[in-house]
N, C-alpha and C. Protein backbone atom coordinates (compact mmCIF):
# COMPACT_ATOMS: atom_id res chain seq x y z
N MET A 1 26.94 -137.48 73.99
CA MET A 1 25.59 -137.85 73.83
C MET A 1 24.73 -137.13 74.86
N ARG A 2 25.25 -136.97 76.00
CA ARG A 2 24.53 -136.26 77.02
C ARG A 2 24.24 -134.84 76.56
N LYS A 3 25.16 -134.33 75.81
CA LYS A 3 25.01 -132.97 75.30
C LYS A 3 23.81 -132.91 74.35
N HIS A 4 23.66 -133.94 73.55
CA HIS A 4 22.54 -133.95 72.61
C HIS A 4 21.22 -134.15 73.32
N VAL A 5 21.16 -134.91 74.33
CA VAL A 5 19.94 -135.14 75.08
C VAL A 5 19.54 -133.84 75.77
N TRP A 6 20.50 -133.25 76.34
CA TRP A 6 20.25 -131.98 77.01
C TRP A 6 19.72 -130.96 76.00
N LEU A 7 20.26 -130.92 74.84
CA LEU A 7 19.80 -130.01 73.79
C LEU A 7 18.38 -130.39 73.34
N ALA A 8 18.09 -131.66 73.23
CA ALA A 8 16.77 -132.11 72.82
C ALA A 8 15.74 -131.77 73.89
N VAL A 9 16.11 -131.95 75.17
CA VAL A 9 15.19 -131.62 76.25
C VAL A 9 14.93 -130.10 76.26
N ALA A 10 15.98 -129.34 76.05
CA ALA A 10 15.83 -127.88 76.05
C ALA A 10 14.90 -127.45 74.90
N LEU A 11 15.10 -128.07 73.74
CA LEU A 11 14.25 -127.73 72.60
C LEU A 11 12.80 -128.13 72.84
N VAL A 12 12.62 -129.28 73.45
CA VAL A 12 11.28 -129.75 73.73
C VAL A 12 10.60 -128.81 74.71
N MET A 13 11.33 -128.23 75.63
CA MET A 13 10.76 -127.32 76.61
C MET A 13 10.58 -125.90 76.03
N ILE A 14 11.54 -125.46 75.28
CA ILE A 14 11.50 -124.08 74.77
C ILE A 14 10.49 -123.95 73.63
N LEU A 15 10.47 -124.91 72.75
CA LEU A 15 9.59 -124.82 71.58
C LEU A 15 8.11 -124.70 71.98
N PRO A 16 7.54 -125.54 72.86
CA PRO A 16 6.15 -125.34 73.25
C PRO A 16 5.92 -124.01 73.98
N ALA A 17 6.90 -123.60 74.76
CA ALA A 17 6.74 -122.33 75.48
C ALA A 17 6.68 -121.17 74.48
N MET A 18 7.50 -121.23 73.46
CA MET A 18 7.48 -120.17 72.44
C MET A 18 6.16 -120.17 71.68
N LEU A 19 5.70 -121.34 71.31
CA LEU A 19 4.42 -121.42 70.59
C LEU A 19 3.27 -120.92 71.45
N PHE A 20 3.32 -121.26 72.74
CA PHE A 20 2.26 -120.83 73.63
C PHE A 20 2.27 -119.31 73.78
N THR A 21 3.42 -118.74 73.93
CA THR A 21 3.49 -117.29 74.14
C THR A 21 3.15 -116.53 72.86
N VAL A 22 3.55 -117.06 71.73
CA VAL A 22 3.24 -116.38 70.47
C VAL A 22 1.74 -116.47 70.19
N SER A 23 1.15 -117.61 70.43
CA SER A 23 -0.26 -117.77 70.13
C SER A 23 -1.13 -116.98 71.10
N CYS A 24 -0.69 -116.73 72.28
CA CYS A 24 -1.47 -116.00 73.25
C CYS A 24 -1.14 -114.51 73.26
N SER A 25 -0.22 -114.11 72.46
CA SER A 25 0.19 -112.72 72.53
C SER A 25 -0.60 -111.83 71.58
N LYS A 26 -1.79 -112.23 71.25
CA LYS A 26 -2.63 -111.39 70.40
C LYS A 26 -2.94 -110.10 71.12
N LYS A 27 -2.87 -109.05 70.37
CA LYS A 27 -3.25 -107.77 70.94
C LYS A 27 -4.76 -107.71 70.97
N VAL A 28 -5.27 -107.38 72.09
CA VAL A 28 -6.70 -107.26 72.23
C VAL A 28 -7.04 -105.80 71.98
N MET A 29 -7.77 -105.60 70.91
CA MET A 29 -8.17 -104.24 70.58
C MET A 29 -9.64 -104.11 70.91
N GLN A 30 -9.92 -103.07 71.60
CA GLN A 30 -11.31 -102.85 71.91
C GLN A 30 -11.89 -102.06 70.75
N THR A 31 -12.92 -102.62 70.17
CA THR A 31 -13.56 -101.93 69.05
C THR A 31 -14.88 -101.38 69.50
N GLU A 32 -15.18 -100.24 68.93
CA GLU A 32 -16.48 -99.65 69.23
C GLU A 32 -17.49 -100.25 68.29
N PRO A 33 -18.68 -100.41 68.75
CA PRO A 33 -19.69 -100.94 67.84
C PRO A 33 -19.90 -99.96 66.69
N VAL A 34 -20.09 -100.52 65.51
CA VAL A 34 -20.30 -99.70 64.33
C VAL A 34 -21.68 -99.07 64.45
N SER A 35 -21.68 -97.77 64.43
CA SER A 35 -22.96 -97.08 64.49
C SER A 35 -22.96 -95.99 63.45
N THR A 36 -24.11 -95.71 62.97
CA THR A 36 -24.25 -94.65 62.00
C THR A 36 -24.41 -93.36 62.76
N THR A 37 -23.51 -92.47 62.48
CA THR A 37 -23.57 -91.19 63.19
C THR A 37 -24.59 -90.29 62.54
N GLN A 38 -24.93 -89.27 63.22
CA GLN A 38 -25.95 -88.33 62.74
C GLN A 38 -25.58 -87.75 61.38
N PRO A 39 -24.32 -87.30 61.13
CA PRO A 39 -24.01 -86.76 59.80
C PRO A 39 -24.19 -87.79 58.69
N GLU A 40 -23.86 -89.05 58.97
CA GLU A 40 -24.02 -90.08 57.94
C GLU A 40 -25.49 -90.33 57.65
N VAL A 41 -26.30 -90.34 58.68
CA VAL A 41 -27.74 -90.52 58.50
C VAL A 41 -28.30 -89.35 57.72
N GLN A 42 -27.86 -88.14 58.05
CA GLN A 42 -28.34 -86.94 57.36
C GLN A 42 -27.93 -86.98 55.89
N LYS A 43 -26.69 -87.41 55.61
CA LYS A 43 -26.22 -87.47 54.22
C LYS A 43 -27.04 -88.48 53.43
N ALA A 44 -27.29 -89.66 54.01
CA ALA A 44 -28.10 -90.67 53.34
C ALA A 44 -29.51 -90.15 53.10
N SER A 45 -30.05 -89.47 54.09
CA SER A 45 -31.39 -88.91 53.95
C SER A 45 -31.42 -87.83 52.87
N ASP A 46 -30.39 -86.99 52.84
CA ASP A 46 -30.31 -85.94 51.81
C ASP A 46 -30.17 -86.54 50.42
N ASP A 47 -29.36 -87.60 50.28
CA ASP A 47 -29.21 -88.26 48.99
C ASP A 47 -30.54 -88.83 48.51
N GLN A 48 -31.26 -89.49 49.41
CA GLN A 48 -32.55 -90.06 49.05
C GLN A 48 -33.54 -88.96 48.69
N ALA A 49 -33.55 -87.89 49.46
CA ALA A 49 -34.45 -86.77 49.16
C ALA A 49 -34.09 -86.15 47.81
N GLY A 50 -32.79 -86.05 47.53
CA GLY A 50 -32.35 -85.51 46.24
C GLY A 50 -32.82 -86.38 45.08
N ARG A 51 -32.71 -87.69 45.24
CA ARG A 51 -33.17 -88.59 44.18
C ARG A 51 -34.68 -88.50 44.00
N LEU A 52 -35.40 -88.41 45.11
CA LEU A 52 -36.86 -88.28 45.02
C LEU A 52 -37.24 -86.97 44.34
N GLN A 53 -36.51 -85.90 44.67
CA GLN A 53 -36.78 -84.60 44.05
C GLN A 53 -36.50 -84.67 42.55
N GLU A 54 -35.38 -85.29 42.17
CA GLU A 54 -35.06 -85.43 40.74
C GLU A 54 -36.12 -86.26 40.02
N ASP A 55 -36.57 -87.34 40.63
CA ASP A 55 -37.61 -88.18 40.03
C ASP A 55 -38.91 -87.39 39.87
N ARG A 56 -39.26 -86.61 40.90
CA ARG A 56 -40.47 -85.80 40.83
C ARG A 56 -40.37 -84.76 39.72
N LEU A 57 -39.20 -84.12 39.61
CA LEU A 57 -39.01 -83.11 38.57
C LEU A 57 -39.08 -83.73 37.18
N ARG A 58 -38.49 -84.92 37.03
CA ARG A 58 -38.56 -85.61 35.73
C ARG A 58 -40.00 -85.97 35.38
N ALA A 59 -40.75 -86.44 36.36
CA ALA A 59 -42.15 -86.80 36.13
C ALA A 59 -42.97 -85.57 35.76
N GLU A 60 -42.72 -84.46 36.45
CA GLU A 60 -43.43 -83.23 36.12
C GLU A 60 -43.09 -82.74 34.72
N ALA A 61 -41.81 -82.82 34.36
CA ALA A 61 -41.39 -82.40 33.01
C ALA A 61 -42.03 -83.29 31.95
N ALA A 62 -42.08 -84.58 32.22
CA ALA A 62 -42.72 -85.51 31.27
C ALA A 62 -44.21 -85.21 31.14
N ALA A 63 -44.86 -84.90 32.25
CA ALA A 63 -46.29 -84.57 32.21
C ALA A 63 -46.52 -83.28 31.45
N ARG A 64 -45.65 -82.28 31.67
CA ARG A 64 -45.78 -81.02 30.93
C ARG A 64 -45.59 -81.25 29.44
N GLU A 65 -44.61 -82.06 29.09
CA GLU A 65 -44.35 -82.34 27.66
C GLU A 65 -45.51 -83.11 27.04
N ALA A 66 -46.09 -84.05 27.78
CA ALA A 66 -47.24 -84.80 27.28
C ALA A 66 -48.44 -83.87 27.07
N ALA A 67 -48.66 -82.95 28.02
CA ALA A 67 -49.76 -81.99 27.88
C ALA A 67 -49.51 -81.07 26.69
N ARG A 68 -48.28 -80.66 26.52
CA ARG A 68 -47.94 -79.78 25.38
C ARG A 68 -48.17 -80.50 24.06
N THR A 69 -47.73 -81.74 23.99
CA THR A 69 -47.90 -82.53 22.77
C THR A 69 -49.38 -82.75 22.47
N ALA A 70 -50.16 -83.07 23.50
CA ALA A 70 -51.60 -83.27 23.30
C ALA A 70 -52.24 -81.96 22.84
N PHE A 71 -51.82 -80.85 23.41
CA PHE A 71 -52.37 -79.55 23.03
C PHE A 71 -52.13 -79.27 21.55
N VAL A 72 -50.91 -79.50 21.10
CA VAL A 72 -50.54 -79.19 19.72
C VAL A 72 -51.16 -80.19 18.73
N ASN A 73 -51.24 -81.44 19.11
CA ASN A 73 -51.65 -82.48 18.17
C ASN A 73 -53.15 -82.64 17.99
N GLU A 74 -53.94 -82.01 18.82
CA GLU A 74 -55.40 -82.17 18.70
C GLU A 74 -55.99 -80.97 17.97
N ASN A 75 -56.45 -81.22 16.77
CA ASN A 75 -57.02 -80.16 15.93
C ASN A 75 -58.52 -80.02 16.15
N ILE A 76 -59.03 -78.87 15.76
CA ILE A 76 -60.46 -78.60 15.77
C ILE A 76 -60.95 -78.76 14.34
N HIS A 77 -61.93 -79.60 14.12
CA HIS A 77 -62.44 -79.84 12.77
C HIS A 77 -63.79 -79.16 12.57
N PHE A 78 -64.03 -78.76 11.33
CA PHE A 78 -65.23 -78.02 10.97
C PHE A 78 -66.01 -78.75 9.88
N ALA A 79 -67.29 -78.45 9.82
CA ALA A 79 -68.12 -78.97 8.74
C ALA A 79 -67.79 -78.20 7.45
N PHE A 80 -68.25 -78.73 6.34
CA PHE A 80 -68.00 -78.09 5.04
C PHE A 80 -68.57 -76.67 5.04
N ASP A 81 -67.74 -75.73 4.58
CA ASP A 81 -68.15 -74.33 4.40
C ASP A 81 -68.68 -73.71 5.69
N SER A 82 -68.07 -74.06 6.84
CA SER A 82 -68.57 -73.58 8.12
C SER A 82 -67.41 -73.20 9.05
N PHE A 83 -67.67 -72.26 9.94
CA PHE A 83 -66.72 -71.92 10.99
C PHE A 83 -67.38 -72.06 12.37
N VAL A 84 -68.52 -72.75 12.41
CA VAL A 84 -69.25 -72.98 13.65
C VAL A 84 -68.58 -74.14 14.40
N LEU A 85 -68.39 -73.96 15.70
CA LEU A 85 -67.75 -74.98 16.53
C LEU A 85 -68.76 -76.05 16.94
N SER A 86 -68.43 -77.29 16.67
CA SER A 86 -69.29 -78.41 17.08
C SER A 86 -69.15 -78.64 18.58
N ASP A 87 -70.01 -79.50 19.12
CA ASP A 87 -69.91 -79.85 20.55
C ASP A 87 -68.57 -80.48 20.86
N GLN A 88 -68.11 -81.35 19.98
CA GLN A 88 -66.82 -82.00 20.19
C GLN A 88 -65.70 -80.96 20.16
N ALA A 89 -65.76 -80.02 19.23
CA ALA A 89 -64.75 -78.97 19.15
C ALA A 89 -64.74 -78.13 20.43
N GLN A 90 -65.91 -77.87 20.97
CA GLN A 90 -65.99 -77.09 22.21
C GLN A 90 -65.39 -77.85 23.39
N ARG A 91 -65.58 -79.16 23.44
CA ARG A 91 -64.96 -79.97 24.51
C ARG A 91 -63.45 -79.92 24.39
N ILE A 92 -62.94 -80.05 23.19
CA ILE A 92 -61.49 -79.98 22.97
C ILE A 92 -60.97 -78.60 23.38
N LEU A 93 -61.68 -77.56 23.00
CA LEU A 93 -61.24 -76.21 23.34
C LEU A 93 -61.30 -75.94 24.84
N ASN A 94 -62.23 -76.57 25.54
CA ASN A 94 -62.24 -76.45 27.00
C ASN A 94 -60.95 -76.98 27.61
N SER A 95 -60.48 -78.12 27.13
CA SER A 95 -59.22 -78.68 27.65
C SER A 95 -58.04 -77.81 27.22
N LYS A 96 -58.10 -77.25 26.03
CA LYS A 96 -57.03 -76.35 25.58
C LYS A 96 -57.01 -75.07 26.42
N ALA A 97 -58.19 -74.59 26.82
CA ALA A 97 -58.26 -73.41 27.69
C ALA A 97 -57.63 -73.72 29.05
N ASP A 98 -57.88 -74.92 29.57
CA ASP A 98 -57.25 -75.32 30.84
C ASP A 98 -55.73 -75.30 30.71
N TYR A 99 -55.22 -75.82 29.60
CA TYR A 99 -53.78 -75.81 29.36
C TYR A 99 -53.25 -74.38 29.32
N LEU A 100 -53.95 -73.50 28.62
CA LEU A 100 -53.49 -72.12 28.50
C LEU A 100 -53.60 -71.36 29.83
N HIS A 101 -54.59 -71.69 30.65
CA HIS A 101 -54.67 -71.08 31.98
C HIS A 101 -53.49 -71.53 32.84
N THR A 102 -53.18 -72.80 32.77
CA THR A 102 -52.07 -73.35 33.55
C THR A 102 -50.73 -72.80 33.08
N ASN A 103 -50.61 -72.58 31.78
CA ASN A 103 -49.36 -72.10 31.18
C ASN A 103 -49.57 -70.70 30.62
N SER A 104 -49.78 -69.77 31.52
CA SER A 104 -50.15 -68.41 31.10
C SER A 104 -49.04 -67.69 30.34
N GLY A 105 -47.83 -68.17 30.40
CA GLY A 105 -46.73 -67.56 29.65
C GLY A 105 -46.62 -68.04 28.21
N VAL A 106 -47.45 -69.00 27.85
CA VAL A 106 -47.40 -69.59 26.51
C VAL A 106 -48.24 -68.74 25.56
N THR A 107 -47.68 -68.47 24.38
CA THR A 107 -48.47 -67.83 23.32
C THR A 107 -48.67 -68.85 22.21
N VAL A 108 -49.82 -68.76 21.58
CA VAL A 108 -50.23 -69.77 20.60
C VAL A 108 -50.72 -69.07 19.34
N THR A 109 -50.41 -69.67 18.21
CA THR A 109 -50.99 -69.23 16.95
C THR A 109 -52.04 -70.25 16.54
N VAL A 110 -53.24 -69.75 16.29
CA VAL A 110 -54.33 -70.60 15.81
C VAL A 110 -54.34 -70.45 14.29
N GLU A 111 -54.09 -71.56 13.61
CA GLU A 111 -54.06 -71.55 12.15
C GLU A 111 -55.39 -72.04 11.61
N GLY A 112 -55.99 -71.27 10.69
CA GLY A 112 -57.23 -71.69 10.04
C GLY A 112 -56.91 -72.34 8.71
N HIS A 113 -57.50 -73.51 8.46
CA HIS A 113 -57.24 -74.28 7.23
C HIS A 113 -58.57 -74.69 6.58
N CYS A 114 -58.51 -74.93 5.28
CA CYS A 114 -59.68 -75.35 4.51
C CYS A 114 -59.30 -76.50 3.59
N ASP A 115 -60.33 -77.15 3.04
CA ASP A 115 -60.04 -78.12 1.98
C ASP A 115 -59.85 -77.35 0.68
N ASP A 116 -59.55 -78.06 -0.40
CA ASP A 116 -59.18 -77.37 -1.64
C ASP A 116 -60.37 -77.02 -2.53
N ARG A 117 -61.57 -77.17 -2.02
CA ARG A 117 -62.74 -76.76 -2.80
C ARG A 117 -63.01 -75.28 -2.53
N GLY A 118 -63.40 -74.56 -3.51
CA GLY A 118 -63.61 -73.12 -3.39
C GLY A 118 -62.40 -72.36 -3.91
N THR A 119 -62.57 -71.06 -4.08
CA THR A 119 -61.47 -70.25 -4.61
C THR A 119 -60.44 -70.00 -3.51
N GLU A 120 -59.25 -69.62 -3.93
CA GLU A 120 -58.19 -69.35 -2.96
C GLU A 120 -58.57 -68.20 -2.03
N THR A 121 -59.15 -67.15 -2.57
CA THR A 121 -59.56 -66.01 -1.77
C THR A 121 -60.64 -66.40 -0.76
N TYR A 122 -61.62 -67.16 -1.22
CA TYR A 122 -62.69 -67.60 -0.34
C TYR A 122 -62.14 -68.46 0.80
N ASN A 123 -61.22 -69.38 0.47
CA ASN A 123 -60.66 -70.28 1.47
C ASN A 123 -59.78 -69.54 2.49
N ILE A 124 -59.07 -68.51 2.06
CA ILE A 124 -58.28 -67.71 3.00
C ILE A 124 -59.24 -67.03 3.99
N ALA A 125 -60.34 -66.46 3.47
CA ALA A 125 -61.32 -65.80 4.34
C ALA A 125 -61.99 -66.80 5.28
N LEU A 126 -62.34 -67.98 4.79
CA LEU A 126 -62.96 -69.00 5.63
C LEU A 126 -61.98 -69.49 6.70
N GLY A 127 -60.73 -69.69 6.33
CA GLY A 127 -59.71 -70.09 7.31
C GLY A 127 -59.55 -69.05 8.41
N GLU A 128 -59.62 -67.77 8.03
CA GLU A 128 -59.53 -66.69 9.02
C GLU A 128 -60.74 -66.72 9.96
N ARG A 129 -61.94 -66.93 9.42
CA ARG A 129 -63.13 -67.01 10.26
C ARG A 129 -63.04 -68.20 11.23
N ARG A 130 -62.49 -69.31 10.77
CA ARG A 130 -62.33 -70.48 11.64
C ARG A 130 -61.35 -70.19 12.77
N ALA A 131 -60.22 -69.60 12.45
CA ALA A 131 -59.23 -69.27 13.48
C ALA A 131 -59.80 -68.26 14.47
N GLU A 132 -60.50 -67.26 13.98
CA GLU A 132 -61.09 -66.24 14.86
C GLU A 132 -62.21 -66.83 15.71
N SER A 133 -62.96 -67.78 15.18
CA SER A 133 -64.01 -68.44 15.94
C SER A 133 -63.39 -69.19 17.14
N VAL A 134 -62.29 -69.87 16.91
CA VAL A 134 -61.59 -70.60 17.98
C VAL A 134 -61.05 -69.60 19.01
N LYS A 135 -60.43 -68.53 18.53
CA LYS A 135 -59.87 -67.53 19.43
C LYS A 135 -60.97 -66.93 20.31
N LYS A 136 -62.08 -66.56 19.71
CA LYS A 136 -63.18 -65.95 20.46
C LYS A 136 -63.69 -66.91 21.54
N PHE A 137 -63.84 -68.17 21.19
CA PHE A 137 -64.31 -69.16 22.16
C PHE A 137 -63.34 -69.25 23.34
N LEU A 138 -62.04 -69.30 23.06
CA LEU A 138 -61.04 -69.39 24.13
C LEU A 138 -61.03 -68.14 24.99
N VAL A 139 -61.15 -66.98 24.37
CA VAL A 139 -61.19 -65.72 25.13
C VAL A 139 -62.43 -65.70 26.02
N ASP A 140 -63.55 -66.18 25.50
CA ASP A 140 -64.77 -66.25 26.31
C ASP A 140 -64.61 -67.18 27.51
N LEU A 141 -63.68 -68.14 27.41
CA LEU A 141 -63.39 -69.05 28.53
C LEU A 141 -62.36 -68.45 29.50
N GLY A 142 -61.91 -67.24 29.22
CA GLY A 142 -60.99 -66.58 30.15
C GLY A 142 -59.54 -66.59 29.74
N VAL A 143 -59.23 -67.12 28.58
CA VAL A 143 -57.85 -67.10 28.09
C VAL A 143 -57.54 -65.68 27.64
N SER A 144 -56.36 -65.21 27.98
CA SER A 144 -55.96 -63.85 27.59
C SER A 144 -55.82 -63.77 26.07
N ALA A 145 -56.39 -62.72 25.49
CA ALA A 145 -56.27 -62.51 24.04
C ALA A 145 -54.82 -62.31 23.63
N ASN A 146 -53.98 -61.86 24.57
CA ASN A 146 -52.56 -61.68 24.27
C ASN A 146 -51.84 -63.01 24.05
N GLN A 147 -52.42 -64.09 24.52
CA GLN A 147 -51.82 -65.41 24.33
C GLN A 147 -52.14 -66.00 22.96
N LEU A 148 -53.07 -65.39 22.24
CA LEU A 148 -53.58 -66.00 21.01
C LEU A 148 -53.35 -65.10 19.79
N ASN A 149 -52.79 -65.68 18.77
CA ASN A 149 -52.66 -65.04 17.46
C ASN A 149 -53.40 -65.91 16.46
N THR A 150 -53.84 -65.33 15.37
CA THR A 150 -54.51 -66.12 14.34
C THR A 150 -53.85 -65.87 12.99
N VAL A 151 -53.93 -66.89 12.15
CA VAL A 151 -53.45 -66.79 10.78
C VAL A 151 -54.29 -67.76 9.95
N SER A 152 -54.49 -67.42 8.68
CA SER A 152 -55.23 -68.31 7.79
C SER A 152 -54.31 -68.78 6.68
N TYR A 153 -54.31 -70.08 6.45
CA TYR A 153 -53.57 -70.64 5.33
C TYR A 153 -54.51 -71.13 4.23
N GLY A 154 -55.80 -71.01 4.46
CA GLY A 154 -56.75 -71.46 3.45
C GLY A 154 -56.50 -72.91 3.09
N GLU A 155 -56.28 -73.16 1.81
CA GLU A 155 -56.04 -74.53 1.33
C GLU A 155 -54.56 -74.82 1.11
N GLU A 156 -53.69 -73.89 1.52
CA GLU A 156 -52.25 -73.99 1.22
C GLU A 156 -51.52 -75.13 1.94
N ARG A 157 -51.97 -75.54 3.09
CA ARG A 157 -51.24 -76.54 3.89
C ARG A 157 -52.14 -77.72 4.26
N PRO A 158 -52.48 -78.54 3.29
CA PRO A 158 -53.33 -79.71 3.62
C PRO A 158 -52.53 -80.75 4.39
N ILE A 159 -53.23 -81.50 5.24
CA ILE A 159 -52.57 -82.63 5.92
C ILE A 159 -52.98 -83.95 5.29
N ALA A 160 -54.01 -83.94 4.46
CA ALA A 160 -54.44 -85.13 3.72
C ALA A 160 -54.53 -84.74 2.25
N MET A 161 -53.94 -85.52 1.39
CA MET A 161 -53.84 -85.14 -0.03
C MET A 161 -54.93 -85.73 -0.92
N GLY A 162 -55.81 -86.54 -0.40
CA GLY A 162 -56.83 -87.17 -1.23
C GLY A 162 -57.90 -86.21 -1.70
N GLN A 163 -58.66 -86.67 -2.68
CA GLN A 163 -59.80 -85.91 -3.22
C GLN A 163 -61.09 -86.63 -2.87
N ASP A 164 -61.26 -86.88 -1.57
CA ASP A 164 -62.46 -87.54 -1.08
C ASP A 164 -62.89 -86.88 0.22
N GLU A 165 -64.07 -87.22 0.70
CA GLU A 165 -64.62 -86.55 1.88
C GLU A 165 -63.75 -86.74 3.13
N VAL A 166 -63.14 -87.92 3.27
CA VAL A 166 -62.29 -88.17 4.44
C VAL A 166 -61.10 -87.20 4.44
N SER A 167 -60.45 -87.04 3.31
CA SER A 167 -59.32 -86.12 3.21
C SER A 167 -59.76 -84.68 3.40
N TRP A 168 -60.84 -84.29 2.76
CA TRP A 168 -61.33 -82.92 2.89
C TRP A 168 -61.69 -82.61 4.34
N ALA A 169 -62.31 -83.56 5.03
CA ALA A 169 -62.69 -83.35 6.44
C ALA A 169 -61.46 -83.13 7.32
N LYS A 170 -60.37 -83.84 7.05
CA LYS A 170 -59.13 -83.65 7.83
C LYS A 170 -58.53 -82.27 7.58
N ASN A 171 -58.72 -81.74 6.39
CA ASN A 171 -58.12 -80.44 6.04
C ASN A 171 -58.94 -79.25 6.55
N ARG A 172 -60.20 -79.44 6.85
CA ARG A 172 -61.05 -78.37 7.38
C ARG A 172 -60.82 -78.30 8.89
N ARG A 173 -59.85 -77.48 9.30
CA ARG A 173 -59.42 -77.54 10.69
C ARG A 173 -58.86 -76.20 11.17
N ALA A 174 -58.78 -76.11 12.49
CA ALA A 174 -57.98 -75.08 13.17
C ALA A 174 -56.88 -75.85 13.87
N GLN A 175 -55.68 -75.40 13.69
CA GLN A 175 -54.51 -76.11 14.22
C GLN A 175 -53.76 -75.15 15.13
N PHE A 176 -53.12 -75.69 16.16
CA PHE A 176 -52.44 -74.87 17.16
C PHE A 176 -50.93 -75.05 17.07
N VAL A 177 -50.23 -73.92 17.13
CA VAL A 177 -48.78 -73.92 17.13
C VAL A 177 -48.34 -73.10 18.34
N ILE A 178 -47.53 -73.70 19.21
CA ILE A 178 -47.01 -72.96 20.36
C ILE A 178 -45.80 -72.16 19.90
N ASN A 179 -45.86 -70.85 20.17
CA ASN A 179 -44.77 -69.95 19.74
C ASN A 179 -43.60 -70.02 20.68
């Protein structure tokens, strides 16, 4: 029995000592404070600048496409049997001249159109006078004549099919096509 007591006392003494030494034997590692080094800051800055550059380029491309679409979609309308440019037509052509100055590499075909009243020969000639009237106005505003071509379709390509004044007025136009 003495043997067992002695063993119990030894265990009681050894067990806490082992627990104490194991729990205190943590390795103390000295850690450096986390800091962002110069290359990491530069990389983050470059990434942000790259994203900003991409966003700016996308916005510029969208603006160019919007200007191009507006340029093509806005027609010049004429009075019946006339190739004289109205005040409104001149305002539209001023903005088109600005577009052509900004985009000097762009070439454009000015198409002359008429309503279906009159003979085919007469309408082809009137469409040509309308296209040439637009071209002359743009050249007078400083647009290079090399950027502008003209063609007349007369009554061949209507955009409105009705036989009323509203439809005829839509068909009496100069239309722009970017080449």
